[in-house]
């Protein structure tokens, strides 16, 4: 079982951020505070554009 990190771009302010693919808390943009991902018990549901999957 491997976990991935995701590079995402906020749809509101276009800021890029790296998030954990199995986060257990809501992930918000560090610039504008918009919700980027929500936990689902496994993988996160991403509300932003995924630019790259990092391992």
PDB file of N, CA and C in Angstrom:
ATOM      1  N   UNK A   1       0.851  -1.171   0.000  1.00  0.00           N
ATOM      2  CA  UNK A   1       0.000   0.000   0.000  1.00  0.00           C
ATOM      3  C   UNK A   1       0.895   1.232   0.000  1.00  0.00           C
ATOM      4  N   UNK A   2       0.884   1.964  -1.105  1.00  0.00           N
ATOM      5  CA  UNK A   2       1.709   3.159  -1.202  1.00  0.00           C
ATOM      6  C   UNK A   2       0.830   4.399  -1.201  1.00  0.00           C
ATOM      7  N   UNK A   3       1.349   5.455  -0.630  1.00  0.00           N
ATOM      8  CA  UNK A   3       0.640   6.720  -0.584  1.00  0.00           C
ATOM      9  C   UNK A   3       1.294   7.688  -1.546  1.00  0.00           C
ATOM     10  N   UNK A   4       0.504   8.566  -2.100  1.00  0.00           N
ATOM     11  CA  UNK A   4       0.990   9.525  -3.080  1.00  0.00           C
ATOM     12  C   UNK A   4       0.768  10.943  -2.580  1.00  0.00           C
ATOM     13  N   UNK A   5       1.594  11.826  -3.076  1.00  0.00           N
ATOM     14  CA  UNK A   5       1.393  13.248  -2.879  1.00  0.00           C
ATOM     15  C   UNK A   5       0.916  13.820  -4.206  1.00  0.00           C
ATOM     16  N   UNK A   6       0.094  14.849  -4.151  1.00  0.00           N
ATOM     17  CA  UNK A   6      -0.465  15.456  -5.352  1.00  0.00           C
ATOM     18  C   UNK A   6      -0.102  16.935  -5.394  1.00  0.00           C
ATOM     19  N   UNK A   7       0.339  17.404  -6.557  1.00  0.00           N
ATOM     20  CA  UNK A   7       0.533  18.838  -6.749  1.00  0.00           C
ATOM     21  C   UNK A   7      -0.752  19.356  -7.385  1.00  0.00           C
ATOM     22  N   UNK A   8      -1.439  20.261  -6.707  1.00  0.00           N
ATOM     23  CA  UNK A   8      -2.719  20.772  -7.187  1.00  0.00           C
ATOM     24  C   UNK A   8      -2.660  22.291  -7.343  1.00  0.00           C
ATOM     25  N   UNK A   9      -3.558  22.814  -8.179  1.00  0.00           N
ATOM     26  CA  UNK A   9      -3.659  24.259  -8.381  1.00  0.00           C
ATOM     27  C   UNK A   9      -5.035  24.707  -7.925  1.00  0.00           C
ATOM     28  N   UNK A  10      -5.068  25.708  -7.068  1.00  0.00           N
ATOM     29  CA  UNK A  10      -6.321  26.255  -6.556  1.00  0.00           C
ATOM     30  C   UNK A  10      -7.093  26.905  -7.707  1.00  0.00           C
ATOM     31  N   UNK A  11      -8.387  26.576  -7.856  1.00  0.00           N
ATOM     32  CA  UNK A  11      -9.164  27.167  -8.943  1.00  0.00           C
ATOM     33  C   UNK A  11      -9.468  28.653  -8.744  1.00  0.00           C
ATOM     34  N   UNK A  12      -9.349  29.127  -7.516  1.00  0.00           N
ATOM     35  CA  UNK A  12      -9.682  30.525  -7.226  1.00  0.00           C
ATOM     36  C   UNK A  12      -8.489  31.452  -7.426  1.00  0.00           C
ATOM     37  N   UNK A  13      -7.358  31.155  -6.761  1.00  0.00           N
ATOM     38  CA  UNK A  13      -6.209  32.073  -6.793  1.00  0.00           C
ATOM     39  C   UNK A  13      -5.047  31.557  -7.638  1.00  0.00           C
ATOM     40  N   UNK A  14      -5.167  30.345  -8.196  1.00  0.00           N
ATOM     41  CA  UNK A  14      -4.152  29.724  -9.065  1.00  0.00           C
ATOM     42  C   UNK A  14      -2.844  29.391  -8.344  1.00  0.00           C
ATOM     43  N   UNK A  15      -2.851  29.375  -7.039  1.00  0.00           N
ATOM     44  CA  UNK A  15      -1.683  29.007  -6.255  1.00  0.00           C
ATOM     45  C   UNK A  15      -1.493  27.491  -6.314  1.00  0.00           C
ATOM     46  N   UNK A  16      -0.242  27.033  -6.369  1.00  0.00           N
ATOM     47  CA  UNK A  16       0.047  25.601  -6.394  1.00  0.00           C
ATOM     48  C   UNK A  16       0.444  25.127  -5.005  1.00  0.00           C
ATOM     49  N   UNK A  17       0.037  23.901  -4.681  1.00  0.00           N
ATOM     50  CA  UNK A  17       0.282  23.356  -3.356  1.00  0.00           C
ATOM     51  C   UNK A  17       0.420  21.846  -3.470  1.00  0.00           C
ATOM     52  N   UNK A  18       1.213  21.244  -2.607  1.00  0.00           N
ATOM     53  CA  UNK A  18       1.356  19.790  -2.569  1.00  0.00           C
ATOM     54  C   UNK A  18       0.537  19.269  -1.392  1.00  0.00           C
ATOM     55  N   UNK A  19      -0.337  18.293  -1.682  1.00  0.00           N
ATOM     56  CA  UNK A  19      -1.193  17.722  -0.644  1.00  0.00           C
ATOM     57  C   UNK A  19      -0.988  16.210  -0.603  1.00  0.00           C
ATOM     58  N   UNK A  20      -1.357  15.595   0.513  1.00  0.00           N
ATOM     59  CA  UNK A  20      -1.246  14.158   0.697  1.00  0.00           C
ATOM     60  C   UNK A  20      -2.490  13.487   0.121  1.00  0.00           C
ATOM     61  N   UNK A  21      -2.308  12.435  -0.641  1.00  0.00           N
ATOM     62  CA  UNK A  21      -3.409  11.758  -1.311  1.00  0.00           C
ATOM     63  C   UNK A  21      -4.378  11.031  -0.401  1.00  0.00           C
ATOM     64  N   UNK A  22      -3.996  10.794   0.845  1.00  0.00           N
ATOM     65  CA  UNK A  22      -4.873  10.127   1.806  1.00  0.00           C
ATOM     66  C   UNK A  22      -4.995  10.962   3.082  1.00  0.00           C
ATOM     67  N   UNK A  23      -5.179  12.249   2.920  1.00  0.00           N
ATOM     68  CA  UNK A  23      -5.285  13.160   4.069  1.00  0.00           C
ATOM     69  C   UNK A  23      -6.516  12.821   4.902  1.00  0.00           C
ATOM     70  N   UNK A  24      -6.422  13.016   6.202  1.00  0.00           N
ATOM     71  CA  UNK A  24      -7.529  12.709   7.099  1.00  0.00           C
ATOM     72  C   UNK A  24      -8.266  13.964   7.564  1.00  0.00           C
ATOM     73  N   UNK A  25      -7.847  15.116   7.056  1.00  0.00           N
ATOM     74  CA  UNK A  25      -8.491  16.394   7.395  1.00  0.00           C
ATOM     75  C   UNK A  25      -8.759  17.153   6.101  1.00  0.00           C
ATOM     76  N   UNK A  26      -9.663  18.124   6.154  1.00  0.00           N
ATOM     77  CA  UNK A  26      -9.923  18.982   5.005  1.00  0.00           C
ATOM     78  C   UNK A  26      -8.652  19.771   4.702  1.00  0.00           C
ATOM     79  N   UNK A  27      -8.272  19.826   3.434  1.00  0.00           N
ATOM     80  CA  UNK A  27      -7.086  20.563   3.013  1.00  0.00           C
ATOM     81  C   UNK A  27      -7.550  21.855   2.371  1.00  0.00           C
ATOM     82  N   UNK A  28      -7.029  22.994   2.870  1.00  0.00           N
ATOM     83  CA  UNK A  28      -7.415  24.299   2.339  1.00  0.00           C
ATOM     84  C   UNK A  28      -6.210  24.980   1.707  1.00  0.00           C
ATOM     85  N   UNK A  29      -6.494  25.877   0.777  1.00  0.00           N
ATOM     86  CA  UNK A  29      -5.449  26.653   0.118  1.00  0.00           C
ATOM     87  C   UNK A  29      -4.778  27.555   1.152  1.00  0.00           C
ATOM     88  N   UNK A  30      -3.466  27.603   1.096  1.00  0.00           N
ATOM     89  CA  UNK A  30      -2.716  28.416   2.053  1.00  0.00           C
ATOM     90  C   UNK A  30      -2.822  29.906   1.756  1.00  0.00           C
ATOM     91  N   UNK A  31      -3.228  30.263   0.547  1.00  0.00           N
ATOM     92  CA  UNK A  31      -3.317  31.670   0.149  1.00  0.00           C
ATOM     93  C   UNK A  31      -4.719  32.224   0.372  1.00  0.00           C
ATOM     94  N   UNK A  32      -5.733  31.574  -0.209  1.00  0.00           N
ATOM     95  CA  UNK A  32      -7.092  32.133  -0.159  1.00  0.00           C
ATOM     96  C   UNK A  32      -8.057  31.354   0.741  1.00  0.00           C
ATOM     97  N   UNK A  33      -7.610  30.248   1.321  1.00  0.00           N
ATOM     98  CA  UNK A  33      -8.385  29.449   2.275  1.00  0.00           C
ATOM     99  C   UNK A  33      -9.538  28.673   1.637  1.00  0.00           C
ATOM    100  N   UNK A  34      -9.513  28.483   0.331  1.00  0.00           N
ATOM    101  CA  UNK A  34     -10.542  27.690  -0.341  1.00  0.00           C
ATOM    102  C   UNK A  34     -10.285  26.202  -0.102  1.00  0.00           C
ATOM    103  N   UNK A  35     -11.341  25.397   0.001  1.00  0.00           N
ATOM    104  CA  UNK A  35     -11.212  23.963   0.230  1.00  0.00           C
ATOM    105  C   UNK A  35     -10.676  23.286  -1.034  1.00  0.00           C
ATOM    106  N   UNK A  36      -9.539  22.588  -0.910  1.00  0.00           N
ATOM    107  CA  UNK A  36      -8.925  21.901  -2.036  1.00  0.00           C
ATOM    108  C   UNK A  36      -9.224  20.412  -2.043  1.00  0.00           C
ATOM    109  N   UNK A  37      -9.387  19.808  -0.861  1.00  0.00           N
ATOM    110  CA  UNK A  37      -9.638  18.372  -0.785  1.00  0.00           C
ATOM    111  C   UNK A  37     -10.365  18.032   0.510  1.00  0.00           C
ATOM    112  N   UNK A  38     -11.213  17.001   0.427  1.00  0.00           N
ATOM    113  CA  UNK A  38     -11.920  16.525   1.612  1.00  0.00           C
ATOM    114  C   UNK A  38     -11.649  15.030   1.786  1.00  0.00           C
ATOM    115  N   UNK A  39     -11.522  14.570   3.023  1.00  0.00           N
ATOM    116  CA  UNK A  39     -11.248  13.153   3.272  1.00  0.00           C
ATOM    117  C   UNK A  39     -12.499  12.308   3.003  1.00  0.00           C
ATOM    118  N   UNK A  40     -12.267  11.052   2.586  1.00  0.00           N
ATOM    119  CA  UNK A  40     -13.389  10.141   2.332  1.00  0.00           C
ATOM    120  C   UNK A  40     -13.228   8.821   3.077  1.00  0.00           C
ATOM    121  N   UNK A  41     -12.204   8.726   3.908  1.00  0.00           N
ATOM    122  CA  UNK A  41     -11.927   7.475   4.602  1.00  0.00           C
ATOM    123  C   UNK A  41     -10.812   6.701   3.934  1.00  0.00           C
ATOM    124  N   UNK A  42     -10.438   7.095   2.754  1.00  0.00           N
ATOM    125  CA  UNK A  42      -9.337   6.495   1.993  1.00  0.00           C
ATOM    126  C   UNK A  42      -8.633   7.616   1.252  1.00  0.00           C
ATOM    127  N   UNK A  43      -8.780   7.613  -0.051  1.00  0.00           N
ATOM    128  CA  UNK A  43      -8.224   8.694  -0.851  1.00  0.00           C
ATOM    129  C   UNK A  43      -9.068   9.953  -0.677  1.00  0.00           C
ATOM    130  N   UNK A  44      -8.441  11.115  -0.866  1.00  0.00           N
ATOM    131  CA  UNK A  44      -9.176  12.374  -0.734  1.00  0.00           C
ATOM    132  C   UNK A  44      -9.976  12.656  -1.999  1.00  0.00           C
ATOM    133  N   UNK A  45     -11.051  13.411  -1.828  1.00  0.00           N
ATOM    134  CA  UNK A  45     -11.793  13.926  -2.979  1.00  0.00           C
ATOM    135  C   UNK A  45     -11.215  15.302  -3.270  1.00  0.00           C
ATOM    136  N   UNK A  46     -10.625  15.454  -4.435  1.00  0.00           N
ATOM    137  CA  UNK A  46      -9.919  16.681  -4.787  1.00  0.00           C
ATOM    138  C   UNK A  46     -10.868  17.649  -5.477  1.00  0.00           C
ATOM    139  N   UNK A  47     -10.870  18.915  -5.017  1.00  0.00           N
ATOM    140  CA  UNK A  47     -11.717  19.967  -5.580  1.00  0.00           C
ATOM    141  C   UNK A  47     -10.875  20.972  -6.360  1.00  0.00           C
ATOM    142  N   UNK A  48      -9.690  20.584  -6.778  1.00  0.00           N
ATOM    143  CA  UNK A  48      -8.779  21.458  -7.505  1.00  0.00           C
ATOM    144  C   UNK A  48      -8.205  20.676  -8.678  1.00  0.00           C
ATOM    145  N   UNK A  49      -7.497  21.358  -9.551  1.00  0.00           N
ATOM    146  CA  UNK A  49      -6.882  20.698 -10.698  1.00  0.00           C
ATOM    147  C   UNK A  49      -5.603  19.989 -10.259  1.00  0.00           C
ATOM    148  N   UNK A  50      -5.501  18.693 -10.550  1.00  0.00           N
ATOM    149  CA  UNK A  50      -4.303  17.918 -10.231  1.00  0.00           C
ATOM    150  C   UNK A  50      -3.282  18.150 -11.346  1.00  0.00           C
ATOM    151  N   UNK A  51      -2.126  18.675 -10.989  1.00  0.00           N
ATOM    152  CA  UNK A  51      -1.083  18.959 -11.957  1.00  0.00           C
ATOM    153  C   UNK A  51      -0.112  17.802 -12.097  1.00  0.00           C
ATOM    154  N   UNK A  52       0.174  17.118 -10.975  1.00  0.00           N
ATOM    155  CA  UNK A  52       1.188  16.066 -10.986  1.00  0.00           C
ATOM    156  C   UNK A  52       0.968  15.137  -9.813  1.00  0.00           C
ATOM    157  N   UNK A  53       1.241  13.858 -10.025  1.00  0.00           N
ATOM    158  CA  UNK A  53       1.195  12.861  -8.956  1.00  0.00           C
ATOM    159  C   UNK A  53       2.645  12.531  -8.601  1.00  0.00           C
ATOM    160  N   UNK A  54       3.007  12.754  -7.345  1.00  0.00           N
ATOM    161  CA  UNK A  54       4.353  12.516  -6.850  1.00  0.00           C
ATOM    162  C   UNK A  54       4.364  11.247  -6.005  1.00  0.00           C
ATOM    163  N   UNK A  55       5.450  10.505  -6.033  1.00  0.00           N
ATOM    164  CA  UNK A  55       5.497   9.278  -5.223  1.00  0.00           C
ATOM    165  C   UNK A  55       6.501   9.395  -4.102  1.00  0.00           C
TER     166      UNK A  55
END
